[in-house]
Amino acid sequence: MSARVPLATEAFAARMVALASAMAALGASIYLTVEHYDRHVTLACPEGATFNCTKVTTSRWSELAGIPVAVLGLVYFVGMTVLLAIPGVHRALEIVRVVGASAGVVMVLYLVYVELFRVDAICLWCTAVHVLTFIMFVAVLWHASVSDATRGA
């Protein structure tokens, strides 16, 4: 007979996965922002035909409405980190988290499209942020579903 993990423990685990993902993506976003403003700061990113961070981060698509995408990511992940750091299972907070995480995934889909079909190059640092955003999204949905079950219990 297997024991079921208590819902409160599962909710905590889901929130911690989401928070860790947001914090890691925040770290990468900080690096990308610094790199955007200081081209002398470059960590391992090959500059070949397919993988080329410089080509991606200096393309005309690296800004939206004149704001660097890296800065937008930095602001977004600060916000998501704060939202995910708040304990509790308040329904309104869950909705804001799910909407925020969903917006992140929509942006990731757009940015992946731009990398693949407009810039014709992939930034490994950006890809790390994209993967972490997806993990955060899944964890936020996991937390929301467990929180719903906790409230219903």
Foldseek 3Di string as FASTA:
>chain_A
DDDDDDLVVQLVVLLVLLLVLLVVLLVLLVLLVVCLVPVVDDDDWDPDQATHQVLLCPPPVQDDPNHGVSVVSNVLSVVLNVLSVDDDLDPVSLVVNLVSLVVLLVVLVVSVCCSVPPSNYDYPSSVSSNVSSVSSNVSSVSSNVSSVVVVVD
